[in-house]
C-alpha atoms as a PDB file:
ATOM      1  CA  MET A   1      15.455 -15.762  34.345  1.00  0.00           C
ATOM      2  CA  ASP A   2      13.457 -12.663  33.427  1.00  0.00           C
ATOM      3  CA  PHE A   3      16.690 -10.931  32.463  1.00  0.00           C
ATOM      4  CA  LEU A   4      17.535 -13.773  30.064  1.00  0.00           C
ATOM      5  CA  LYS A   5      14.091 -13.477  28.482  1.00  0.00           C
ATOM      6  CA  ILE A   6      14.656  -9.756  28.000  1.00  0.00           C
ATOM      7  CA  LEU A   7      18.019 -10.445  26.357  1.00  0.00           C
ATOM      8  CA  ARG A   8      16.473 -13.023  24.017  1.00  0.00           C
ATOM      9  CA  SER A   9      13.664 -10.634  23.118  1.00  0.00           C
ATOM     10  CA  PHE A  10      16.197  -7.911  22.428  1.00  0.00           C
ATOM     11  CA  GLU A  11      18.219 -10.336  20.306  1.00  0.00           C
ATOM     12  CA  GLU A  12      15.143 -11.209  18.236  1.00  0.00           C
ATOM     13  CA  PHE A  13      14.335  -7.529  17.836  1.00  0.00           C
ATOM     14  CA  ILE A  14      17.860  -6.727  16.593  1.00  0.00           C
ATOM     15  CA  VAL A  15      17.778  -9.581  14.087  1.00  0.00           C
ATOM     16  CA  GLU A  16      14.338  -8.594  12.814  1.00  0.00           C
ATOM     17  CA  ALA A  17      15.153  -4.881  12.625  1.00  0.00           C
ATOM     18  CA  THR A  18      18.426  -5.383  10.766  1.00  0.00           C
ATOM     19  CA  SER A  19      16.851  -7.876   8.366  1.00  0.00           C
ATOM     20  CA  TRP A  20      14.430  -5.142   7.297  1.00  0.00           C
ATOM     21  CA  LEU A  21      17.397  -3.160   5.975  1.00  0.00           C
ATOM     22  CA  VAL A  22      17.905  -5.972   3.477  1.00  0.00           C
ATOM     23  CA  PHE A  23      14.406  -7.229   2.781  1.00  0.00           C
ATOM     24  CA  LEU A  24      12.640  -3.858   2.510  1.00  0.00           C
ATOM     25  CA  PRO A  25      14.518  -2.659  -0.622  1.00  0.00           C
ATOM     26  CA  LEU A  26      14.749  -6.232  -1.926  1.00  0.00           C
ATOM     27  CA  THR A  27      10.989  -6.749  -1.678  1.00  0.00           C
ATOM     28  CA  MET A  28      10.325  -3.362  -3.277  1.00  0.00           C
ATOM     29  CA  TRP A  29      12.655  -4.230  -6.156  1.00  0.00           C
ATOM     30  CA  ARG A  30      10.868  -7.554  -6.675  1.00  0.00           C
ATOM     31  CA  ILE A  31       7.490  -5.827  -6.763  1.00  0.00           C
ATOM     32  CA  VAL A  32       8.580  -3.193  -9.265  1.00  0.00           C
ATOM     33  CA  ARG A  33      10.490  -5.607 -11.487  1.00  0.00           C
ATOM     34  CA  HIS A  34       8.070  -8.553 -11.426  1.00  0.00           C
ATOM     35  CA  PRO A  35       4.758  -7.365  -9.936  1.00  0.00           C
ATOM     36  CA  LEU A  36       2.629 -10.350 -10.989  1.00  0.00           C
ATOM     37  CA  LYS A  37       5.238 -12.901  -9.912  1.00  0.00           C
ATOM     38  CA  THR A  38       5.506 -11.179  -6.540  1.00  0.00           C
ATOM     39  CA  MET A  39       1.729 -11.327  -6.155  1.00  0.00           C
ATOM     40  CA  GLU A  40       1.808 -15.032  -7.036  1.00  0.00           C
ATOM     41  CA  TYR A  41       4.504 -15.464  -4.412  1.00  0.00           C
ATOM     42  CA  SER A  42       2.189 -13.855  -1.857  1.00  0.00           C
ATOM     43  CA  ASP A  43      -0.607 -16.234  -2.848  1.00  0.00           C
ATOM     44  CA  ARG A  44       1.664 -19.248  -2.325  1.00  0.00           C
ATOM     45  CA  GLU A  45       2.894 -17.995   1.031  1.00  0.00           C
ATOM     46  CA  GLN A  46      -0.660 -17.972   2.384  1.00  0.00           C
ATOM     47  CA  SER A  47      -0.626 -21.779   2.359  1.00  0.00           C
ATOM     48  CA  ASP A  48       2.705 -21.943   4.201  1.00  0.00           C
ATOM     49  CA  SER A  49       3.037 -22.284   7.958  1.00  0.00           C
ATOM     50  CA  GLU A  50       2.770 -19.052   9.899  1.00  0.00           C
ATOM     51  CA  GLU A  51       6.358 -19.397  11.147  1.00  0.00           C
ATOM     52  CA  ASN A  52       7.838 -19.676   7.647  1.00  0.00           C
ATOM     53  CA  ARG A  53       5.436 -17.328   5.858  1.00  0.00           C
ATOM     54  CA  TYR A  54       7.216 -14.530   3.934  1.00  0.00           C
ATOM     55  CA  ASP A  55      10.533 -15.756   5.296  1.00  0.00           C
ATOM     56  CA  ASP A  56      12.493 -14.259   2.372  1.00  0.00           C
ATOM     57  CA  ALA A  57      10.512 -11.021   2.110  1.00  0.00           C
ATOM     58  CA  ILE A  58       8.432  -8.611   4.153  1.00  0.00           C
ATOM     59  CA  SER A  59       4.746  -9.429   4.441  1.00  0.00           C
ATOM     60  CA  PRO A  60       2.500  -7.286   2.209  1.00  0.00           C
ATOM     61  CA  PRO A  61       0.635  -5.242   4.856  1.00  0.00           C
ATOM     62  CA  LEU A  62       3.871  -4.544   6.728  1.00  0.00           C
ATOM     63  CA  MET A  63       5.553  -3.621   3.455  1.00  0.00           C
ATOM     64  CA  LEU A  64       2.837  -1.080   2.730  1.00  0.00           C
ATOM     65  CA  LEU A  65       2.946   0.299   6.263  1.00  0.00           C
ATOM     66  CA  ALA A  66       6.750   0.547   6.297  1.00  0.00           C
ATOM     67  CA  THR A  67       6.713   2.408   2.979  1.00  0.00           C
ATOM     68  CA  LEU A  68       4.222   4.935   4.307  1.00  0.00           C
ATOM     69  CA  VAL A  69       6.270   5.404   7.475  1.00  0.00           C
ATOM     70  CA  LEU A  70       9.400   6.083   5.409  1.00  0.00           C
ATOM     71  CA  ALA A  71       7.485   8.445   3.135  1.00  0.00           C
ATOM     72  CA  ASN A  72       6.204  10.308   6.179  1.00  0.00           C
ATOM     73  CA  VAL A  73       9.713  10.555   7.648  1.00  0.00           C
ATOM     74  CA  ILE A  74      11.087  11.911   4.364  1.00  0.00           C
ATOM     75  CA  ALA A  75       8.258  14.440   4.094  1.00  0.00           C
ATOM     76  CA  SER A  76       8.956  15.639   7.638  1.00  0.00           C
ATOM     77  CA  ALA A  77      12.678  15.901   6.905  1.00  0.00           C
ATOM     78  CA  LEU A  78      11.858  18.078   3.892  1.00  0.00           C
ATOM     79  CA  HIS A  79       9.618  20.249   6.094  1.00  0.00           C
ATOM     80  CA  ILE A  80       6.401  19.200   4.355  1.00  0.00           C
ATOM     81  CA  THR A  81       3.812  19.729   7.062  1.00  0.00           C
ATOM     82  CA  PRO A  82       0.214  18.482   6.907  1.00  0.00           C
ATOM     83  CA  PRO A  83      -2.571  21.069   6.948  1.00  0.00           C
ATOM     84  CA  HIS A  84      -3.605  22.101  10.447  1.00  0.00           C
ATOM     85  CA  ASP A  85      -6.609  24.132   9.364  1.00  0.00           C
ATOM     86  CA  GLY A  86      -9.973  22.576   8.747  1.00  0.00           C
ATOM     87  CA  SER A  87     -12.455  20.479  10.640  1.00  0.00           C
ATOM     88  CA  ASP A  88     -11.905  18.931  14.052  1.00  0.00           C
ATOM     89  CA  ALA A  89     -11.250  15.548  12.402  1.00  0.00           C
ATOM     90  CA  VAL A  90      -8.551  17.020  10.154  1.00  0.00           C
ATOM     91  CA  ARG A  91      -6.866  18.666  13.126  1.00  0.00           C
ATOM     92  CA  VAL A  92      -6.916  15.393  15.077  1.00  0.00           C
ATOM     93  CA  ILE A  93      -5.300  13.531  12.165  1.00  0.00           C
ATOM     94  CA  SER A  94      -2.668  16.246  11.719  1.00  0.00           C
ATOM     95  CA  ALA A  95      -1.954  16.481  15.447  1.00  0.00           C
ATOM     96  CA  SER A  96       0.596  13.651  15.472  1.00  0.00           C
ATOM     97  CA  GLN A  97       2.702  11.637  13.077  1.00  0.00           C
ATOM     98  CA  GLN A  98       1.107   8.433  14.370  1.00  0.00           C
ATOM     99  CA  ASN A  99      -2.386   9.624  13.497  1.00  0.00           C
ATOM    100  CA  LEU A 100      -1.210  10.778  10.080  1.00  0.00           C
ATOM    101  CA  ILE A 101       0.443   7.445   9.300  1.00  0.00           C
ATOM    102  CA  LEU A 102      -2.645   5.525  10.406  1.00  0.00           C
ATOM    103  CA  PHE A 103      -4.855   7.686   8.235  1.00  0.00           C
ATOM    104  CA  ARG A 104      -2.623   7.312   5.192  1.00  0.00           C
ATOM    105  CA  SER A 105      -2.521   3.561   5.778  1.00  0.00           C
ATOM    106  CA  LEU A 106      -6.317   3.522   5.744  1.00  0.00           C
ATOM    107  CA  VAL A 107      -6.449   5.546   2.519  1.00  0.00           C
ATOM    108  CA  PHE A 108      -3.914   3.430   0.647  1.00  0.00           C
ATOM    109  CA  SER A 109      -5.495   0.206   1.947  1.00  0.00           C
ATOM    110  CA  LEU A 110      -8.697   1.074   0.094  1.00  0.00           C
ATOM    111  CA  ALA A 111      -7.061   0.129  -3.217  1.00  0.00           C
ATOM    112  CA  PRO A 112      -6.129  -3.452  -2.167  1.00  0.00           C
ATOM    113  CA  LEU A 113      -9.545  -3.863  -0.560  1.00  0.00           C
ATOM    114  CA  VAL A 114     -11.534  -2.751  -3.614  1.00  0.00           C
ATOM    115  CA  MET A 115      -9.405  -4.812  -6.015  1.00  0.00           C
ATOM    116  CA  ALA A 116      -9.646  -7.918  -3.835  1.00  0.00           C
ATOM    117  CA  LEU A 117     -13.416  -7.537  -3.474  1.00  0.00           C
ATOM    118  CA  THR A 118     -13.750  -7.068  -7.248  1.00  0.00           C
ATOM    119  CA  LEU A 119     -11.872 -10.300  -7.880  1.00  0.00           C
ATOM    120  CA  LEU A 120     -13.940 -12.303  -5.398  1.00  0.00           C
ATOM    121  CA  ARG A 121     -17.197 -10.979  -6.833  1.00  0.00           C
ATOM    122  CA  HIS A 122     -16.258 -11.949 -10.394  1.00  0.00           C
ATOM    123  CA  GLN A 123     -15.009 -15.334  -9.233  1.00  0.00           C
ATOM    124  CA  GLY A 124     -18.341 -15.949  -7.535  1.00  0.00           C
ATOM    125  CA  LYS A 125     -16.684 -16.729  -4.211  1.00  0.00           C
ATOM    126  CA  LYS A 126     -18.358 -16.194  -0.869  1.00  0.00           C
ATOM    127  CA  LEU A 127     -16.987 -13.174   0.956  1.00  0.00           C
ATOM    128  CA  SER A 128     -15.206 -14.067   4.182  1.00  0.00           C
ATOM    129  CA  ARG A 129     -12.029 -13.109   5.967  1.00  0.00           C
ATOM    130  CA  GLY A 130     -10.406 -16.280   4.679  1.00  0.00           C
ATOM    131  CA  SER A 131     -11.331 -15.714   1.032  1.00  0.00           C
ATOM    132  CA  LEU A 132     -10.435 -12.019   1.220  1.00  0.00           C
ATOM    133  CA  ARG A 133      -7.034 -12.466   2.832  1.00  0.00           C
ATOM    134  CA  THR A 134      -5.152 -13.968  -0.131  1.00  0.00           C
ATOM    135  CA  PRO A 135      -6.055 -11.388  -2.812  1.00  0.00           C
ATOM    136  CA  PHE A 136      -5.858  -8.539  -0.296  1.00  0.00           C
ATOM    137  CA  TYR A 137      -2.316  -9.487   0.716  1.00  0.00           C
ATOM    138  CA  ALA A 138      -1.253  -9.746  -2.933  1.00  0.00           C
ATOM    139  CA  GLN A 139      -2.790  -6.359  -3.640  1.00  0.00           C
ATOM    140  CA  CYS A 140      -0.928  -4.804  -0.700  1.00  0.00           C
ATOM    141  CA  TYR A 141       2.286  -5.651  -2.522  1.00  0.00           C
ATOM    142  CA  LEU A 142       1.031  -3.874  -5.626  1.00  0.00           C
ATOM    143  CA  ALA A 143      -0.151  -0.889  -3.591  1.00  0.00           C
ATOM    144  CA  THR A 144       3.289  -0.380  -2.051  1.00  0.00           C
ATOM    145  CA  PRO A 145       5.061   1.203  -5.075  1.00  0.00           C
ATOM    146  CA  ILE A 146       2.047   3.354  -5.918  1.00  0.00           C
ATOM    147  CA  ALA A 147       1.987   4.578  -2.304  1.00  0.00           C
ATOM    148  CA  ALA A 148       5.669   5.489  -2.579  1.00  0.00           C
ATOM    149  CA  VAL A 149       5.195   7.234  -5.935  1.00  0.00           C
ATOM    150  CA  MET A 150       2.101   9.140  -4.844  1.00  0.00           C
ATOM    151  CA  SER A 151       3.856  10.251  -1.665  1.00  0.00           C
ATOM    152  CA  ALA A 152       6.896  11.378  -3.662  1.00  0.00           C
ATOM    153  CA  GLY A 153       4.714  13.245  -6.131  1.00  0.00           C
ATOM    154  CA  GLY A 154       2.850  14.913  -3.292  1.00  0.00           C
ATOM    155  CA  VAL A 155       6.110  16.057  -1.713  1.00  0.00           C
ATOM    156  CA  ILE A 156       7.302  17.508  -5.033  1.00  0.00           C
ATOM    157  CA  THR A 157       4.075  19.441  -5.587  1.00  0.00           C
ATOM    158  CA  GLN A 158       4.282  20.922  -2.081  1.00  0.00           C
ATOM    159  CA  ARG A 159       7.877  22.045  -2.392  1.00  0.00           C
ATOM    160  CA  PRO A 160       7.992  25.746  -3.391  1.00  0.00           C
ATOM    161  CA  ASP A 161      11.376  25.275  -5.051  1.00  0.00           C
ATOM    162  CA  MET A 162      10.185  22.515  -7.400  1.00  0.00           C
ATOM    163  CA  ASN A 163       7.938  22.438 -10.452  1.00  0.00           C
ATOM    164  CA  ASN A 164       4.452  21.161  -9.623  1.00  0.00           C
ATOM    165  CA  ALA A 165       4.207  19.637 -13.082  1.00  0.00           C
ATOM    166  CA  ILE A 166       7.009  17.229 -12.186  1.00  0.00           C
ATOM    167  CA  GLY A 167       5.086  15.993  -9.153  1.00  0.00           C
ATOM    168  CA  VAL A 168       1.914  15.529 -11.193  1.00  0.00           C
ATOM    169  CA  ALA A 169       3.863  13.670 -13.890  1.00  0.00           C
ATOM    170  CA  VAL A 170       5.377  11.351 -11.273  1.00  0.00           C
ATOM    171  CA  MET A 171       1.936  10.543  -9.860  1.00  0.00           C
ATOM    172  CA  LEU A 172       0.429   9.963 -13.308  1.00  0.00           C
ATOM    173  CA  ALA A 173       3.303   7.648 -14.229  1.00  0.00           C
ATOM    174  CA  GLY A 174       2.740   5.674 -11.034  1.00  0.00           C
ATOM    175  CA  LEU A 175      -0.980   5.481 -11.725  1.00  0.00           C
ATOM    176  CA  ALA A 176      -0.339   4.217 -15.264  1.00  0.00           C
ATOM    177  CA  TRP A 177       1.961   1.497 -13.905  1.00  0.00           C
ATOM    178  CA  PHE A 178      -0.652   0.520 -11.328  1.00  0.00           C
ATOM    179  CA  VAL A 179      -3.465   0.335 -13.892  1.00  0.00           C
ATOM    180  CA  GLY A 180      -1.310  -1.743 -16.234  1.00  0.00           C
ATOM    181  CA  CYS A 181      -0.419  -4.231 -13.485  1.00  0.00           C
ATOM    182  CA  GLU A 182      -4.025  -4.491 -12.312  1.00  0.00           C
ATOM    183  CA  THR A 183      -5.209  -5.104 -15.864  1.00  0.00           C
ATOM    184  CA  ALA A 184      -2.704  -7.921 -16.300  1.00  0.00           C
ATOM    185  CA  TRP A 185      -3.681  -9.354 -12.887  1.00  0.00           C
ATOM    186  CA  PHE A 186      -7.414  -9.414 -13.640  1.00  0.00           C
ATOM    187  CA  ARG A 187      -6.725 -10.860 -17.086  1.00  0.00           C
ATOM    188  CA  ALA A 188      -4.705 -13.718 -15.572  1.00  0.00           C
ATOM    189  CA  LYS A 189      -7.029 -14.393 -12.630  1.00  0.00           C
ATOM    190  CA  LEU A 190     -10.335 -14.205 -14.508  1.00  0.00           C
ATOM    191  CA  SER A 191      -9.230 -15.349 -17.994  1.00  0.00           C
ATOM    192  CA  LEU A 192     -10.414 -12.096 -19.559  1.00  0.00           C
ATOM    193  CA  SER A 193      -9.366 -10.315 -22.703  1.00  0.00           C
ATOM    194  CA  TRP A 194      -7.147  -7.264 -22.388  1.00  0.00           C
ATOM    195  CA  ARG A 195     -10.136  -5.041 -23.168  1.00  0.00           C
ATOM    196  CA  GLN A 196     -12.354  -6.670 -20.544  1.00  0.00           C
ATOM    197  CA  ALA A 197      -9.607  -6.590 -17.925  1.00  0.00           C
ATOM    198  CA  GLY A 198      -8.877  -2.948 -18.734  1.00  0.00           C
ATOM    199  CA  LEU A 199     -12.514  -1.954 -18.342  1.00  0.00           C
ATOM    200  CA  LEU A 200     -12.761  -3.859 -15.071  1.00  0.00           C
ATOM    201  CA  THR A 201      -9.612  -2.166 -13.762  1.00  0.00           C
ATOM    202  CA  THR A 202     -10.818   1.273 -14.837  1.00  0.00           C
ATOM    203  CA  TRP A 203     -14.142   0.765 -13.065  1.00  0.00           C
ATOM    204  CA  ALA A 204     -12.372  -0.403  -9.902  1.00  0.00           C
ATOM    205  CA  VAL A 205      -9.971   2.574  -9.958  1.00  0.00           C
ATOM    206  CA  LEU A 206     -12.895   4.965 -10.368  1.00  0.00           C
ATOM    207  CA  ARG A 207     -14.608   3.411  -7.362  1.00  0.00           C
ATOM    208  CA  ILE A 208     -11.429   3.792  -5.321  1.00  0.00           C
ATOM    209  CA  ALA A 209     -11.261   7.479  -6.280  1.00  0.00           C
ATOM    210  CA  VAL A 210     -14.894   7.980  -5.278  1.00  0.00           C
ATOM    211  CA  TYR A 211     -14.349   6.261  -1.907  1.00  0.00           C
ATOM    212  CA  VAL A 212     -11.268   8.359  -1.185  1.00  0.00           C
ATOM    213  CA  MET A 213     -13.062  11.587  -2.098  1.00  0.00           C
ATOM    214  CA  ALA A 214     -16.051  10.571   0.032  1.00  0.00           C
ATOM    215  CA  LEU A 215     -13.721   9.870   2.963  1.00  0.00           C
ATOM    216  CA  PHE A 216     -12.108  13.296   2.667  1.00  0.00           C
ATOM    217  CA  LEU A 217     -15.521  14.934   2.317  1.00  0.00           C
ATOM    218  CA  VAL A 218     -16.763  13.284   5.495  1.00  0.00           C
ATOM    219  CA  LEU A 219     -13.622  14.377   7.347  1.00  0.00           C
ATOM    220  CA  ALA A 220     -14.061  17.927   6.118  1.00  0.00           C
ATOM    221  CA  LEU A 221     -17.580  18.017   7.541  1.00  0.00           C
ATOM    222  CA  ILE A 222     -16.866  16.461  10.932  1.00  0.00           C
END
């Protein structure tokens, strides 16, 4: 009986793992091609049953995590090693790939969190896990391509055989795409003008940058 349960669990694992080979690139393509529609799709899926939720895609947090795992694997294959010098906290993070992936997940999750909180505040909604979940999940979809682009740009800038300017250009292009999508999202969600939505997005992006820099500063001092 236990052996049959193990076989069924293994069967479910194989089906789930192989489906990722299809749905991971498909979901990424949907995000890049139609970012706002994909975010609306995420909003609708939140009202679906847990069993059928994101049945034809990968859920937003998992999509973000999987992208960072792939980016980390590619960086390792290209012999891009994290810095091992610095504070005790930096050395702990750099000590294993698991720690590094968890840390990068935390860093890139700050963007969905700040954007979701900004939306809730301007909508006048009470902050709770339930109210935060829907916009946070949608924002995880939008954070996935920017995480991939930033990781790619970082790899390029660290490669001695490549032009650093190319890596910077890649990251700036990704940032411009992200800002444009966020502006359109705030404009649609809050019924703002393009100027108002742009200013709101710029302020949110600046806060994200400050939080990330503060996080790195704290790590450098620990």
